């Protein structure tokens, strides 16, 4: 299995503490985030961005986020 595929599989199994999720907001819009378990991302509908969760740690950098209009 390629390294990229391994990282994607690991990302899909990420979990995030529900209490942490209550505290986190989008760094750009300060709006609440929703956790997408299937993709292992924190989603900001207001900013149209999905922030990755790696090793259980949310990466809250806009430069690391995926735009929601891209797959």
C-alpha atoms as a PDB file:
ATOM      1  CA  UNK A   1       0.000   0.000   0.000  1.00  0.00           C
ATOM      2  CA  UNK A   2       1.359   3.416  -0.933  1.00  0.00           C
ATOM      3  CA  UNK A   3       2.269   5.876   1.841  1.00  0.00           C
ATOM      4  CA  UNK A   4      -0.412   8.335   0.704  1.00  0.00           C
ATOM      5  CA  UNK A   5      -3.093   5.614   0.914  1.00  0.00           C
ATOM      6  CA  UNK A   6      -1.915   4.650   4.410  1.00  0.00           C
ATOM      7  CA  UNK A   7      -2.203   8.266   5.537  1.00  0.00           C
ATOM      8  CA  UNK A   8      -5.682   8.539   4.027  1.00  0.00           C
ATOM      9  CA  UNK A   9      -6.815   5.322   5.747  1.00  0.00           C
ATOM     10  CA  UNK A  10      -5.454   6.592   9.061  1.00  0.00           C
ATOM     11  CA  UNK A  11      -7.217   9.921   8.575  1.00  0.00           C
ATOM     12  CA  UNK A  12     -10.533   8.149   8.070  1.00  0.00           C
ATOM     13  CA  UNK A  13     -10.231   6.466  11.450  1.00  0.00           C
ATOM     14  CA  UNK A  14      -9.432   9.681  13.368  1.00  0.00           C
ATOM     15  CA  UNK A  15     -11.529  10.589  16.362  1.00  0.00           C
ATOM     16  CA  UNK A  16     -11.770  13.829  18.268  1.00  0.00           C
ATOM     17  CA  UNK A  17     -12.771  14.418  21.867  1.00  0.00           C
ATOM     18  CA  UNK A  18     -16.352  15.764  21.942  1.00  0.00           C
ATOM     19  CA  UNK A  19     -15.401  18.318  24.617  1.00  0.00           C
ATOM     20  CA  UNK A  20     -12.600  19.624  22.402  1.00  0.00           C
ATOM     21  CA  UNK A  21     -15.018  19.869  19.495  1.00  0.00           C
ATOM     22  CA  UNK A  22     -17.305  22.071  21.602  1.00  0.00           C
ATOM     23  CA  UNK A  23     -14.434  24.507  22.177  1.00  0.00           C
ATOM     24  CA  UNK A  24     -13.023  24.675  18.665  1.00  0.00           C
ATOM     25  CA  UNK A  25     -14.176  27.269  16.156  1.00  0.00           C
ATOM     26  CA  UNK A  26     -13.075  28.140  12.651  1.00  0.00           C
ATOM     27  CA  UNK A  27     -10.003  30.408  12.898  1.00  0.00           C
ATOM     28  CA  UNK A  28     -11.297  32.568  10.040  1.00  0.00           C
ATOM     29  CA  UNK A  29     -14.991  32.978  10.831  1.00  0.00           C
ATOM     30  CA  UNK A  30     -15.142  31.998  14.530  1.00  0.00           C
ATOM     31  CA  UNK A  31     -18.130  29.797  13.625  1.00  0.00           C
ATOM     32  CA  UNK A  32     -18.711  26.279  15.040  1.00  0.00           C
ATOM     33  CA  UNK A  33     -17.165  23.238  13.380  1.00  0.00           C
ATOM     34  CA  UNK A  34     -18.684  19.866  12.533  1.00  0.00           C
ATOM     35  CA  UNK A  35     -16.616  16.686  12.650  1.00  0.00           C
ATOM     36  CA  UNK A  36     -16.750  14.525   9.527  1.00  0.00           C
ATOM     37  CA  UNK A  37     -15.725  11.063  10.786  1.00  0.00           C
ATOM     38  CA  UNK A  38     -15.591   9.542   7.314  1.00  0.00           C
ATOM     39  CA  UNK A  39     -13.008  12.049   6.080  1.00  0.00           C
ATOM     40  CA  UNK A  40     -11.352  12.817   9.426  1.00  0.00           C
ATOM     41  CA  UNK A  41     -11.908  16.552   9.072  1.00  0.00           C
ATOM     42  CA  UNK A  42     -13.412  19.459  10.978  1.00  0.00           C
ATOM     43  CA  UNK A  43     -15.761  21.285   8.643  1.00  0.00           C
ATOM     44  CA  UNK A  44     -16.524  24.994   8.666  1.00  0.00           C
ATOM     45  CA  UNK A  45     -19.586  25.598   6.505  1.00  0.00           C
ATOM     46  CA  UNK A  46     -19.196  29.365   6.966  1.00  0.00           C
ATOM     47  CA  UNK A  47     -15.652  29.397   5.549  1.00  0.00           C
ATOM     48  CA  UNK A  48     -16.265  26.471   3.154  1.00  0.00           C
ATOM     49  CA  UNK A  49     -13.135  24.775   4.540  1.00  0.00           C
ATOM     50  CA  UNK A  50     -12.339  21.356   6.015  1.00  0.00           C
ATOM     51  CA  UNK A  51      -9.474  21.227   8.517  1.00  0.00           C
ATOM     52  CA  UNK A  52      -7.625  17.890   8.785  1.00  0.00           C
ATOM     53  CA  UNK A  53      -7.295  15.899  12.009  1.00  0.00           C
ATOM     54  CA  UNK A  54      -3.952  14.080  12.204  1.00  0.00           C
ATOM     55  CA  UNK A  55      -3.165  11.716  15.053  1.00  0.00           C
ATOM     56  CA  UNK A  56      -6.177  13.045  16.934  1.00  0.00           C
ATOM     57  CA  UNK A  57      -4.860  16.620  16.649  1.00  0.00           C
ATOM     58  CA  UNK A  58      -6.877  19.171  14.663  1.00  0.00           C
ATOM     59  CA  UNK A  59      -4.723  21.172  12.275  1.00  0.00           C
ATOM     60  CA  UNK A  60      -6.422  24.558  12.438  1.00  0.00           C
ATOM     61  CA  UNK A  61      -4.332  26.313   9.794  1.00  0.00           C
ATOM     62  CA  UNK A  62      -6.230  27.718   6.810  1.00  0.00           C
ATOM     63  CA  UNK A  63      -3.222  26.868   4.644  1.00  0.00           C
ATOM     64  CA  UNK A  64      -3.688  23.166   5.557  1.00  0.00           C
ATOM     65  CA  UNK A  65      -7.463  23.168   5.049  1.00  0.00           C
ATOM     66  CA  UNK A  66      -9.247  21.684   2.043  1.00  0.00           C
ATOM     67  CA  UNK A  67     -11.762  23.831   0.223  1.00  0.00           C
ATOM     68  CA  UNK A  68     -15.200  22.221   0.313  1.00  0.00           C
ATOM     69  CA  UNK A  69     -15.734  22.815  -3.405  1.00  0.00           C
ATOM     70  CA  UNK A  70     -12.873  20.362  -4.142  1.00  0.00           C
ATOM     71  CA  UNK A  71     -12.952  16.577  -3.535  1.00  0.00           C
END
